[in-house]
């Protein structure tokens, strides 16, 4: 059962999320209601189960399409509700949707990083983005990816070469501890999508 209001545990606002979805369109509203159910259930689970629930929702709910196909532009970072409304998006959109939903479900921001990688696909190196989860600061991260549906440790993904990683609190070279500046200053698209996610009731 979906409970409307402010989650005391996590801070996401379901009423604001549904209002924002209604302003986008009926597909966004349907998607938001389903996502809220996933977030509400996930909030009561341990973190590995939260990861699986959110990862599966986005990987099964939406289709991979390029920004040119979906938005008629080269690079657009969609908010979770925009992503659900379109029913399609690229790797950044999957990573952003999973990040926002896991934070809403109670996963601490420092345990999550969006990671820009070079992925070996069909024999060539291509730009790609995944979400990494760190159970502790020095632990090997688990990778949430739209290309490989199951959660895998980073060591089990030799096809991915990290370039930089970030969340709403920091920006790092690769996936290590060396800071690379303020992500809100260095990444304008991240700054813009964070503002949209907050307006939608996430974070």
N, C-alpha and C. Protein backbone atom coordinates (compact mmCIF):
# COMPACT_ATOMS: atom_id res chain seq x y z
N UNK A 1 0.85 -1.20 0.00
CA UNK A 1 0.00 0.00 0.00
C UNK A 1 0.87 1.24 0.00
N UNK A 2 0.57 2.18 -0.86
CA UNK A 2 1.35 3.40 -0.98
C UNK A 2 0.89 4.41 0.05
N UNK A 3 1.82 4.87 0.87
CA UNK A 3 1.51 5.86 1.89
C UNK A 3 2.01 7.21 1.42
N UNK A 4 1.11 8.18 1.25
CA UNK A 4 1.50 9.49 0.78
C UNK A 4 2.04 10.33 1.92
N UNK A 5 2.96 11.20 1.56
CA UNK A 5 3.50 12.12 2.55
C UNK A 5 5.01 12.10 2.56
N UNK A 6 5.58 12.56 3.67
CA UNK A 6 7.03 12.63 3.82
C UNK A 6 7.52 11.41 4.57
N UNK A 7 8.48 10.69 3.99
CA UNK A 7 9.08 9.56 4.69
C UNK A 7 10.01 10.08 5.77
N UNK A 8 9.73 9.75 7.02
CA UNK A 8 10.59 10.19 8.11
C UNK A 8 11.96 9.54 8.02
N UNK A 9 12.02 8.34 7.44
CA UNK A 9 13.29 7.63 7.40
C UNK A 9 14.22 8.16 6.32
N UNK A 10 13.68 8.58 5.20
CA UNK A 10 14.53 8.89 4.07
C UNK A 10 14.38 10.30 3.54
N UNK A 11 13.25 10.94 3.74
CA UNK A 11 13.10 12.31 3.30
C UNK A 11 12.46 12.51 1.94
N UNK A 12 12.16 11.42 1.20
CA UNK A 12 11.49 11.63 -0.08
C UNK A 12 10.03 11.98 0.16
N UNK A 13 9.48 12.73 -0.76
CA UNK A 13 8.12 13.22 -0.61
C UNK A 13 7.25 12.66 -1.72
N UNK A 14 6.40 11.71 -1.36
CA UNK A 14 5.61 11.02 -2.37
C UNK A 14 4.54 11.93 -2.98
N UNK A 15 3.93 12.79 -2.20
CA UNK A 15 2.91 13.68 -2.76
C UNK A 15 3.52 14.61 -3.79
N UNK A 16 4.70 15.16 -3.46
CA UNK A 16 5.36 16.06 -4.42
C UNK A 16 5.79 15.29 -5.67
N UNK A 17 6.21 14.04 -5.47
CA UNK A 17 6.61 13.23 -6.61
C UNK A 17 5.42 12.97 -7.54
N UNK A 18 4.28 12.64 -6.97
CA UNK A 18 3.09 12.38 -7.79
C UNK A 18 2.58 13.65 -8.46
N UNK A 19 2.67 14.78 -7.77
CA UNK A 19 2.28 16.05 -8.39
C UNK A 19 3.19 16.37 -9.57
N UNK A 20 4.50 16.16 -9.38
CA UNK A 20 5.44 16.42 -10.47
C UNK A 20 5.20 15.48 -11.64
N UNK A 21 4.88 14.22 -11.35
CA UNK A 21 4.59 13.26 -12.41
C UNK A 21 3.35 13.66 -13.18
N UNK A 22 2.31 14.11 -12.45
CA UNK A 22 1.07 14.52 -13.11
C UNK A 22 1.31 15.69 -14.05
N UNK A 23 2.24 16.56 -13.69
CA UNK A 23 2.55 17.70 -14.55
C UNK A 23 3.27 17.28 -15.82
N UNK A 24 3.96 16.13 -15.76
CA UNK A 24 4.66 15.64 -16.94
C UNK A 24 3.71 14.89 -17.87
N UNK A 25 2.87 14.02 -17.28
CA UNK A 25 1.94 13.29 -18.12
C UNK A 25 1.49 11.98 -17.50
N UNK A 26 0.51 11.31 -18.10
CA UNK A 26 -0.05 10.09 -17.52
C UNK A 26 0.95 8.94 -17.42
N UNK A 27 1.86 8.82 -18.39
CA UNK A 27 2.85 7.74 -18.31
C UNK A 27 3.79 7.97 -17.12
N UNK A 28 4.14 9.23 -16.88
CA UNK A 28 4.98 9.53 -15.73
C UNK A 28 4.26 9.21 -14.44
N UNK A 29 2.96 9.46 -14.38
CA UNK A 29 2.19 9.18 -13.17
C UNK A 29 2.15 7.69 -12.89
N UNK A 30 1.90 6.89 -13.91
CA UNK A 30 1.90 5.44 -13.73
C UNK A 30 3.27 4.97 -13.26
N UNK A 31 4.31 5.45 -13.91
CA UNK A 31 5.66 5.06 -13.53
C UNK A 31 6.01 5.49 -12.13
N UNK A 32 5.60 6.71 -11.74
CA UNK A 32 5.89 7.21 -10.40
C UNK A 32 5.20 6.37 -9.34
N UNK A 33 3.97 5.98 -9.58
CA UNK A 33 3.25 5.15 -8.59
C UNK A 33 3.94 3.80 -8.42
N UNK A 34 4.37 3.21 -9.51
CA UNK A 34 5.07 1.93 -9.41
C UNK A 34 6.42 2.10 -8.71
N UNK A 35 7.14 3.17 -9.04
CA UNK A 35 8.43 3.40 -8.41
C UNK A 35 8.26 3.67 -6.91
N UNK A 36 7.25 4.42 -6.54
CA UNK A 36 7.02 4.69 -5.13
C UNK A 36 6.75 3.40 -4.35
N UNK A 37 6.04 2.47 -4.96
CA UNK A 37 5.81 1.19 -4.31
C UNK A 37 7.12 0.45 -4.10
N UNK A 38 8.01 0.50 -5.11
CA UNK A 38 9.31 -0.15 -4.99
C UNK A 38 10.13 0.52 -3.89
N UNK A 39 10.15 1.85 -3.86
CA UNK A 39 10.92 2.57 -2.85
C UNK A 39 10.38 2.27 -1.46
N UNK A 40 9.06 2.25 -1.33
CA UNK A 40 8.47 2.01 -0.01
C UNK A 40 8.82 0.60 0.49
N UNK A 41 8.73 -0.38 -0.40
CA UNK A 41 9.10 -1.75 0.00
C UNK A 41 10.59 -1.85 0.30
N UNK A 42 11.40 -1.21 -0.56
CA UNK A 42 12.85 -1.29 -0.40
C UNK A 42 13.33 -0.64 0.88
N UNK A 43 12.62 0.40 1.33
CA UNK A 43 13.03 1.11 2.54
C UNK A 43 13.08 0.19 3.76
N UNK A 44 12.31 -0.89 3.73
CA UNK A 44 12.27 -1.82 4.87
C UNK A 44 13.26 -2.98 4.73
N UNK A 45 14.00 -3.02 3.62
CA UNK A 45 14.90 -4.14 3.35
C UNK A 45 16.34 -3.79 3.73
N UNK A 46 17.20 -4.82 3.79
CA UNK A 46 18.62 -4.53 3.97
C UNK A 46 19.18 -3.99 2.65
N UNK A 47 20.39 -3.45 2.70
CA UNK A 47 20.89 -2.73 1.52
C UNK A 47 21.09 -3.62 0.29
N UNK A 48 21.60 -4.83 0.41
CA UNK A 48 21.69 -5.66 -0.80
C UNK A 48 20.32 -5.87 -1.47
N UNK A 49 19.29 -6.06 -0.67
CA UNK A 49 17.95 -6.23 -1.23
C UNK A 49 17.42 -4.94 -1.84
N UNK A 50 17.74 -3.81 -1.23
CA UNK A 50 17.37 -2.52 -1.82
C UNK A 50 17.98 -2.38 -3.22
N UNK A 51 19.27 -2.69 -3.30
CA UNK A 51 19.97 -2.58 -4.59
C UNK A 51 19.30 -3.43 -5.65
N UNK A 52 19.00 -4.67 -5.31
CA UNK A 52 18.39 -5.59 -6.27
C UNK A 52 17.02 -5.10 -6.71
N UNK A 53 16.22 -4.61 -5.77
CA UNK A 53 14.86 -4.17 -6.10
C UNK A 53 14.88 -2.98 -7.05
N UNK A 54 15.70 -2.01 -6.76
CA UNK A 54 15.76 -0.80 -7.60
C UNK A 54 16.43 -1.10 -8.94
N UNK A 55 17.50 -1.87 -8.91
CA UNK A 55 18.19 -2.23 -10.16
C UNK A 55 17.24 -2.97 -11.10
N UNK A 56 16.51 -3.93 -10.56
CA UNK A 56 15.59 -4.70 -11.40
C UNK A 56 14.45 -3.83 -11.93
N UNK A 57 13.94 -2.92 -11.10
CA UNK A 57 12.84 -2.08 -11.55
C UNK A 57 13.22 -1.31 -12.81
N UNK A 58 14.34 -0.62 -12.77
CA UNK A 58 14.70 0.21 -13.92
C UNK A 58 15.15 -0.63 -15.11
N UNK A 59 15.89 -1.70 -14.86
CA UNK A 59 16.34 -2.52 -15.99
C UNK A 59 15.18 -3.20 -16.70
N UNK A 60 14.10 -3.50 -15.97
CA UNK A 60 12.96 -4.19 -16.58
C UNK A 60 11.89 -3.23 -17.08
N UNK A 61 11.84 -2.02 -16.50
CA UNK A 61 10.73 -1.11 -16.78
C UNK A 61 10.96 -0.27 -18.03
N UNK A 62 12.21 0.09 -18.30
CA UNK A 62 12.50 1.02 -19.39
C UNK A 62 13.47 0.40 -20.38
N UNK A 63 13.47 0.92 -21.58
CA UNK A 63 14.31 0.39 -22.66
C UNK A 63 15.48 1.32 -22.93
N UNK A 64 16.58 0.73 -23.37
CA UNK A 64 17.74 1.53 -23.72
C UNK A 64 17.52 2.17 -25.09
N UNK A 65 17.66 3.48 -25.14
CA UNK A 65 17.62 4.24 -26.39
C UNK A 65 18.59 5.41 -26.26
N UNK A 66 19.14 5.85 -27.35
CA UNK A 66 20.07 6.98 -27.31
C UNK A 66 19.32 8.29 -27.06
N UNK A 67 20.05 9.29 -26.61
CA UNK A 67 19.44 10.61 -26.40
C UNK A 67 18.93 11.20 -27.70
N UNK A 68 19.59 10.90 -28.79
CA UNK A 68 19.13 11.41 -30.09
C UNK A 68 17.75 10.83 -30.41
N UNK A 69 17.56 9.55 -30.13
CA UNK A 69 16.26 8.92 -30.38
C UNK A 69 15.18 9.44 -29.44
N UNK A 70 15.52 9.62 -28.18
CA UNK A 70 14.51 9.97 -27.17
C UNK A 70 14.28 11.48 -27.09
N UNK A 71 15.37 12.26 -27.12
CA UNK A 71 15.29 13.70 -26.86
C UNK A 71 15.69 14.55 -28.05
N UNK A 72 16.11 13.93 -29.16
CA UNK A 72 16.55 14.65 -30.36
C UNK A 72 17.71 15.59 -30.05
N UNK A 73 18.59 15.17 -29.13
CA UNK A 73 19.83 15.91 -28.85
C UNK A 73 20.90 14.92 -28.43
N UNK A 74 22.16 15.38 -28.49
CA UNK A 74 23.29 14.48 -28.30
C UNK A 74 23.43 13.97 -26.87
N UNK A 75 23.19 14.83 -25.89
CA UNK A 75 23.44 14.44 -24.49
C UNK A 75 22.45 15.12 -23.57
N UNK A 76 21.50 14.35 -23.05
CA UNK A 76 20.49 14.88 -22.14
C UNK A 76 20.42 13.96 -20.94
N UNK A 77 20.52 14.54 -19.73
CA UNK A 77 20.41 13.75 -18.51
C UNK A 77 18.99 13.92 -17.96
N UNK A 78 18.21 12.87 -18.05
CA UNK A 78 16.80 12.93 -17.65
C UNK A 78 16.66 12.70 -16.15
N UNK A 79 15.67 13.34 -15.57
CA UNK A 79 15.29 13.03 -14.19
C UNK A 79 14.60 11.67 -14.17
N UNK A 80 14.46 11.05 -13.00
CA UNK A 80 13.76 9.76 -12.95
C UNK A 80 12.35 9.79 -13.53
N UNK A 81 11.60 10.86 -13.27
CA UNK A 81 10.23 10.93 -13.79
C UNK A 81 10.21 11.16 -15.29
N UNK A 82 11.14 11.95 -15.80
CA UNK A 82 11.25 12.12 -17.26
C UNK A 82 11.59 10.78 -17.91
N UNK A 83 12.49 10.04 -17.29
CA UNK A 83 12.90 8.73 -17.78
C UNK A 83 11.71 7.77 -17.84
N UNK A 84 10.92 7.74 -16.77
CA UNK A 84 9.76 6.86 -16.73
C UNK A 84 8.68 7.30 -17.72
N UNK A 85 8.55 8.59 -17.91
CA UNK A 85 7.57 9.10 -18.86
C UNK A 85 7.90 8.66 -20.28
N UNK A 86 9.18 8.74 -20.64
CA UNK A 86 9.58 8.34 -21.99
C UNK A 86 9.59 6.82 -22.14
N UNK A 87 9.83 6.11 -21.02
CA UNK A 87 9.93 4.66 -21.10
C UNK A 87 11.20 4.19 -21.76
N UNK A 88 12.15 5.11 -21.93
CA UNK A 88 13.40 4.79 -22.60
C UNK A 88 14.43 5.86 -22.26
N UNK A 89 15.70 5.46 -22.36
CA UNK A 89 16.77 6.41 -22.11
C UNK A 89 18.11 5.72 -22.23
N UNK A 90 19.18 6.48 -21.99
CA UNK A 90 20.50 5.91 -22.13
C UNK A 90 21.11 5.61 -20.76
N UNK A 91 22.39 5.26 -20.74
CA UNK A 91 23.02 4.76 -19.52
C UNK A 91 23.00 5.77 -18.38
N UNK A 92 23.17 7.06 -18.68
CA UNK A 92 23.11 8.06 -17.62
C UNK A 92 21.75 8.06 -16.94
N UNK A 93 20.70 7.88 -17.72
CA UNK A 93 19.35 7.92 -17.17
C UNK A 93 19.10 6.74 -16.22
N UNK A 94 19.60 5.56 -16.59
CA UNK A 94 19.50 4.41 -15.69
C UNK A 94 20.23 4.68 -14.38
N UNK A 95 21.48 5.16 -14.49
CA UNK A 95 22.29 5.40 -13.30
C UNK A 95 21.67 6.46 -12.40
N UNK A 96 21.15 7.54 -12.99
CA UNK A 96 20.53 8.62 -12.23
C UNK A 96 19.26 8.12 -11.54
N UNK A 97 18.42 7.39 -12.26
CA UNK A 97 17.19 6.87 -11.67
C UNK A 97 17.46 5.94 -10.50
N UNK A 98 18.46 5.08 -10.64
CA UNK A 98 18.81 4.15 -9.56
C UNK A 98 19.38 4.90 -8.37
N UNK A 99 20.24 5.87 -8.63
CA UNK A 99 20.83 6.67 -7.55
C UNK A 99 19.75 7.36 -6.74
N UNK A 100 18.86 8.10 -7.41
CA UNK A 100 17.82 8.84 -6.70
C UNK A 100 16.90 7.91 -5.92
N UNK A 101 16.56 6.79 -6.50
CA UNK A 101 15.63 5.86 -5.85
C UNK A 101 16.27 5.19 -4.64
N UNK A 102 17.55 4.86 -4.73
CA UNK A 102 18.23 4.23 -3.59
C UNK A 102 18.42 5.22 -2.45
N UNK A 103 18.74 6.46 -2.77
CA UNK A 103 18.82 7.48 -1.72
C UNK A 103 17.45 7.63 -1.06
N UNK A 104 16.39 7.66 -1.87
CA UNK A 104 15.04 7.76 -1.32
C UNK A 104 14.70 6.56 -0.43
N UNK A 105 15.24 5.40 -0.77
CA UNK A 105 14.98 4.18 0.01
C UNK A 105 15.88 4.06 1.23
N UNK A 106 16.75 5.05 1.46
CA UNK A 106 17.53 5.07 2.69
C UNK A 106 18.99 4.71 2.58
N UNK A 107 19.51 4.50 1.37
CA UNK A 107 20.94 4.23 1.22
C UNK A 107 21.69 5.55 1.36
N UNK A 108 22.67 5.64 2.25
CA UNK A 108 23.42 6.89 2.43
C UNK A 108 24.15 7.31 1.15
N UNK A 109 24.12 8.60 0.85
CA UNK A 109 24.76 9.12 -0.35
C UNK A 109 26.23 8.70 -0.47
N UNK A 110 27.04 8.72 0.62
CA UNK A 110 28.45 8.34 0.45
C UNK A 110 28.67 6.91 -0.05
N UNK A 111 27.67 6.07 0.04
CA UNK A 111 27.82 4.69 -0.44
C UNK A 111 27.53 4.54 -1.93
N UNK A 112 27.10 5.60 -2.57
CA UNK A 112 26.70 5.53 -3.97
C UNK A 112 27.52 6.52 -4.80
N UNK A 113 27.99 6.07 -5.95
CA UNK A 113 28.66 6.96 -6.89
C UNK A 113 28.24 6.60 -8.31
N UNK A 114 27.94 7.60 -9.10
CA UNK A 114 27.78 7.41 -10.52
C UNK A 114 29.19 7.38 -11.10
N UNK A 115 29.46 6.42 -11.97
CA UNK A 115 30.81 6.23 -12.48
C UNK A 115 30.80 6.31 -14.01
N UNK A 116 31.56 7.28 -14.51
CA UNK A 116 31.77 7.37 -15.96
C UNK A 116 32.90 6.41 -16.30
N UNK A 117 32.64 5.49 -17.22
CA UNK A 117 33.62 4.47 -17.57
C UNK A 117 33.82 4.41 -19.08
N UNK A 118 34.90 3.75 -19.47
CA UNK A 118 35.07 3.31 -20.85
C UNK A 118 34.74 1.82 -20.85
N UNK A 119 33.72 1.44 -21.60
CA UNK A 119 33.26 0.05 -21.65
C UNK A 119 33.69 -0.60 -22.96
N UNK A 120 34.16 -1.83 -22.85
CA UNK A 120 34.49 -2.60 -24.05
C UNK A 120 33.23 -3.25 -24.58
N UNK A 121 32.74 -2.73 -25.67
CA UNK A 121 31.50 -3.22 -26.27
C UNK A 121 31.75 -3.58 -27.73
N UNK A 122 31.49 -4.82 -28.06
CA UNK A 122 31.65 -5.29 -29.44
C UNK A 122 33.03 -4.96 -29.98
N UNK A 123 34.04 -5.12 -29.13
CA UNK A 123 35.41 -4.93 -29.57
C UNK A 123 35.91 -3.50 -29.62
N UNK A 124 35.09 -2.55 -29.18
CA UNK A 124 35.53 -1.16 -29.16
C UNK A 124 35.26 -0.53 -27.80
N UNK A 125 35.98 0.53 -27.49
CA UNK A 125 35.82 1.24 -26.23
C UNK A 125 34.81 2.36 -26.40
N UNK A 126 33.77 2.35 -25.55
CA UNK A 126 32.70 3.33 -25.66
C UNK A 126 32.42 3.97 -24.30
N UNK A 127 32.00 5.23 -24.34
CA UNK A 127 31.62 5.92 -23.10
C UNK A 127 30.37 5.28 -22.53
N UNK A 128 30.35 5.13 -21.21
CA UNK A 128 29.24 4.47 -20.55
C UNK A 128 29.17 4.97 -19.11
N UNK A 129 28.02 4.83 -18.46
CA UNK A 129 27.89 5.20 -17.06
C UNK A 129 27.17 4.10 -16.29
N UNK A 130 27.66 3.83 -15.08
CA UNK A 130 27.06 2.85 -14.19
C UNK A 130 26.92 3.48 -12.81
N UNK A 131 26.25 2.77 -11.92
CA UNK A 131 26.16 3.18 -10.53
C UNK A 131 26.94 2.19 -9.68
N UNK A 132 27.79 2.71 -8.79
CA UNK A 132 28.57 1.86 -7.90
C UNK A 132 28.08 2.02 -6.47
N UNK A 133 28.03 0.91 -5.74
CA UNK A 133 27.62 0.90 -4.34
C UNK A 133 28.78 0.40 -3.50
N UNK A 134 29.16 1.19 -2.49
CA UNK A 134 30.25 0.85 -1.58
C UNK A 134 29.67 0.50 -0.20
N UNK A 135 29.67 -0.76 0.21
CA UNK A 135 29.14 -1.11 1.53
C UNK A 135 29.93 -0.46 2.66
N UNK A 136 31.21 -0.17 2.42
CA UNK A 136 32.04 0.59 3.35
C UNK A 136 33.04 1.38 2.50
N UNK A 137 33.67 2.43 3.06
CA UNK A 137 34.52 3.30 2.23
C UNK A 137 35.63 2.58 1.48
N UNK A 138 36.22 1.56 2.07
CA UNK A 138 37.35 0.87 1.45
C UNK A 138 36.95 -0.43 0.76
N UNK A 139 35.66 -0.73 0.73
CA UNK A 139 35.20 -1.99 0.16
C UNK A 139 35.19 -1.94 -1.37
N UNK A 140 35.27 -3.12 -1.96
CA UNK A 140 35.08 -3.22 -3.40
C UNK A 140 33.62 -2.90 -3.73
N UNK A 141 33.38 -2.03 -4.70
CA UNK A 141 31.99 -1.68 -4.99
C UNK A 141 31.26 -2.76 -5.80
N UNK A 142 29.95 -2.76 -5.66
CA UNK A 142 29.07 -3.52 -6.54
C UNK A 142 28.62 -2.59 -7.66
N UNK A 143 28.46 -3.14 -8.85
CA UNK A 143 28.11 -2.34 -10.02
C UNK A 143 26.66 -2.61 -10.43
N UNK A 144 25.89 -1.54 -10.55
CA UNK A 144 24.52 -1.59 -11.07
C UNK A 144 24.57 -1.05 -12.49
N UNK A 145 24.18 -1.86 -13.46
CA UNK A 145 24.39 -1.53 -14.86
C UNK A 145 23.17 -1.95 -15.67
N UNK A 146 22.86 -1.20 -16.70
CA UNK A 146 21.77 -1.60 -17.59
C UNK A 146 22.23 -2.61 -18.64
N UNK A 147 23.53 -2.73 -18.87
CA UNK A 147 24.04 -3.68 -19.86
C UNK A 147 24.13 -5.09 -19.30
N UNK A 148 24.51 -5.21 -18.02
CA UNK A 148 24.60 -6.49 -17.33
C UNK A 148 23.59 -6.45 -16.20
N UNK A 149 22.46 -7.13 -16.31
CA UNK A 149 21.36 -6.96 -15.35
C UNK A 149 21.68 -7.33 -13.92
N UNK A 150 22.49 -8.37 -13.69
CA UNK A 150 22.75 -8.79 -12.32
C UNK A 150 23.84 -7.91 -11.69
N UNK A 151 23.74 -7.76 -10.38
CA UNK A 151 24.75 -7.02 -9.62
C UNK A 151 26.05 -7.82 -9.63
N UNK A 152 27.16 -7.14 -9.91
CA UNK A 152 28.45 -7.80 -9.89
C UNK A 152 29.47 -6.91 -9.20
N UNK A 153 30.42 -7.55 -8.52
CA UNK A 153 31.53 -6.81 -7.95
C UNK A 153 32.35 -6.19 -9.07
N UNK A 154 33.00 -5.06 -8.78
CA UNK A 154 33.78 -4.36 -9.80
C UNK A 154 34.85 -5.26 -10.40
N UNK A 155 35.44 -6.14 -9.59
CA UNK A 155 36.48 -7.04 -10.10
C UNK A 155 35.94 -8.04 -11.11
N UNK A 156 34.62 -8.23 -11.12
CA UNK A 156 33.99 -9.13 -12.08
C UNK A 156 33.55 -8.40 -13.34
N UNK A 157 33.91 -7.12 -13.43
CA UNK A 157 33.57 -6.33 -14.63
C UNK A 157 34.84 -5.77 -15.26
N UNK A 158 35.72 -6.65 -15.77
CA UNK A 158 36.96 -6.18 -16.40
C UNK A 158 36.71 -5.40 -17.69
N UNK A 159 35.46 -5.43 -18.16
CA UNK A 159 35.11 -4.70 -19.38
C UNK A 159 34.94 -3.21 -19.11
N UNK A 160 34.96 -2.79 -17.85
CA UNK A 160 34.74 -1.39 -17.50
C UNK A 160 36.02 -0.76 -16.97
N UNK A 161 36.39 0.39 -17.53
CA UNK A 161 37.56 1.14 -17.06
C UNK A 161 37.08 2.47 -16.50
N UNK A 162 37.12 2.65 -15.17
CA UNK A 162 36.62 3.90 -14.58
C UNK A 162 37.45 5.11 -15.00
N UNK A 163 36.76 6.21 -15.25
CA UNK A 163 37.41 7.48 -15.60
C UNK A 163 37.26 8.47 -14.45
N UNK A 164 36.01 8.71 -14.04
CA UNK A 164 35.76 9.52 -12.85
C UNK A 164 34.43 9.10 -12.25
N UNK A 165 34.23 9.45 -10.98
CA UNK A 165 32.99 9.11 -10.29
C UNK A 165 32.51 10.30 -9.48
N UNK A 166 31.22 10.31 -9.17
CA UNK A 166 30.65 11.46 -8.47
C UNK A 166 29.33 11.09 -7.82
N UNK A 167 28.93 11.92 -6.86
CA UNK A 167 27.59 11.88 -6.29
C UNK A 167 27.22 13.31 -5.92
N UNK A 168 26.23 13.49 -5.10
CA UNK A 168 25.81 14.86 -4.77
C UNK A 168 26.75 15.52 -3.77
N UNK A 169 27.75 14.78 -3.30
CA UNK A 169 28.68 15.33 -2.30
C UNK A 169 30.10 15.47 -2.79
N UNK A 170 30.48 14.80 -3.89
CA UNK A 170 31.87 14.88 -4.31
C UNK A 170 32.11 14.37 -5.72
N UNK A 171 33.34 14.60 -6.19
CA UNK A 171 33.79 14.18 -7.52
C UNK A 171 35.19 13.60 -7.35
N UNK A 172 35.43 12.42 -7.94
CA UNK A 172 36.70 11.74 -7.74
C UNK A 172 37.27 11.27 -9.06
N UNK A 173 38.60 11.18 -9.10
CA UNK A 173 39.26 10.56 -10.24
C UNK A 173 39.08 9.05 -10.12
N UNK A 174 38.66 8.41 -11.19
CA UNK A 174 38.40 6.97 -11.15
C UNK A 174 37.36 6.66 -10.10
N UNK A 175 37.62 5.62 -9.30
CA UNK A 175 36.71 5.26 -8.20
C UNK A 175 37.44 5.32 -6.86
N UNK A 176 38.60 5.97 -6.84
CA UNK A 176 39.40 6.05 -5.63
C UNK A 176 39.00 7.21 -4.74
N UNK A 177 39.90 7.55 -3.83
CA UNK A 177 39.62 8.58 -2.83
C UNK A 177 40.14 9.95 -3.23
N UNK A 178 40.85 10.05 -4.36
CA UNK A 178 41.44 11.33 -4.76
C UNK A 178 40.38 12.24 -5.35
N UNK A 179 40.13 13.35 -4.66
CA UNK A 179 39.07 14.25 -5.10
C UNK A 179 39.45 14.97 -6.38
N UNK A 180 38.45 15.29 -7.16
CA UNK A 180 38.67 16.00 -8.43
C UNK A 180 37.84 17.27 -8.49
N UNK A 181 37.41 17.77 -7.33
CA UNK A 181 36.68 19.03 -7.31
C UNK A 181 35.22 18.87 -6.94
N UNK A 182 34.51 19.97 -7.05
CA UNK A 182 33.09 20.04 -6.72
C UNK A 182 32.27 19.59 -7.91
N UNK A 183 31.48 18.51 -7.77
CA UNK A 183 30.71 18.02 -8.93
C UNK A 183 29.67 19.02 -9.42
N UNK A 184 29.17 19.88 -8.53
CA UNK A 184 28.15 20.84 -8.95
C UNK A 184 28.76 21.96 -9.78
N UNK A 185 30.07 22.17 -9.63
CA UNK A 185 30.76 23.16 -10.44
C UNK A 185 31.26 22.55 -11.74
N UNK A 186 31.83 21.36 -11.64
CA UNK A 186 32.46 20.73 -12.80
C UNK A 186 31.46 20.08 -13.75
N UNK A 187 30.32 19.64 -13.25
CA UNK A 187 29.36 18.89 -14.07
C UNK A 187 28.03 19.64 -14.12
N UNK A 188 27.86 20.45 -15.14
CA UNK A 188 26.64 21.27 -15.22
C UNK A 188 25.39 20.42 -15.40
N UNK A 189 25.50 19.34 -16.16
CA UNK A 189 24.31 18.49 -16.37
C UNK A 189 23.91 17.81 -15.06
N UNK A 190 24.88 17.44 -14.22
CA UNK A 190 24.57 16.84 -12.93
C UNK A 190 23.89 17.87 -12.04
N UNK A 191 24.37 19.08 -12.04
CA UNK A 191 23.75 20.15 -11.26
C UNK A 191 22.30 20.35 -11.69
N UNK A 192 22.06 20.32 -12.98
CA UNK A 192 20.71 20.54 -13.50
C UNK A 192 19.78 19.39 -13.13
N UNK A 193 20.27 18.15 -13.25
CA UNK A 193 19.38 17.03 -12.96
C UNK A 193 19.15 16.89 -11.45
N UNK A 194 20.12 17.26 -10.63
CA UNK A 194 19.89 17.27 -9.19
C UNK A 194 18.76 18.23 -8.83
N UNK A 195 18.75 19.40 -9.46
CA UNK A 195 17.68 20.36 -9.19
C UNK A 195 16.33 19.79 -9.60
N UNK A 196 16.30 19.09 -10.73
CA UNK A 196 15.04 18.48 -11.17
C UNK A 196 14.59 17.38 -10.21
N UNK A 197 15.53 16.57 -9.73
CA UNK A 197 15.17 15.47 -8.82
C UNK A 197 14.64 16.01 -7.51
N UNK A 198 15.25 17.07 -7.01
CA UNK A 198 14.74 17.66 -5.77
C UNK A 198 13.35 18.25 -5.96
N UNK A 199 13.12 18.87 -7.11
CA UNK A 199 11.79 19.42 -7.40
C UNK A 199 10.76 18.31 -7.52
N UNK A 200 11.19 17.12 -7.91
CA UNK A 200 10.28 15.98 -8.09
C UNK A 200 10.03 15.23 -6.78
N UNK A 201 10.69 15.63 -5.69
CA UNK A 201 10.47 14.97 -4.41
C UNK A 201 11.50 13.94 -4.03
N UNK A 202 12.51 13.72 -4.89
CA UNK A 202 13.62 12.84 -4.55
C UNK A 202 14.62 13.59 -3.69
N UNK A 203 15.54 12.83 -3.10
CA UNK A 203 16.67 13.40 -2.36
C UNK A 203 16.20 14.28 -1.22
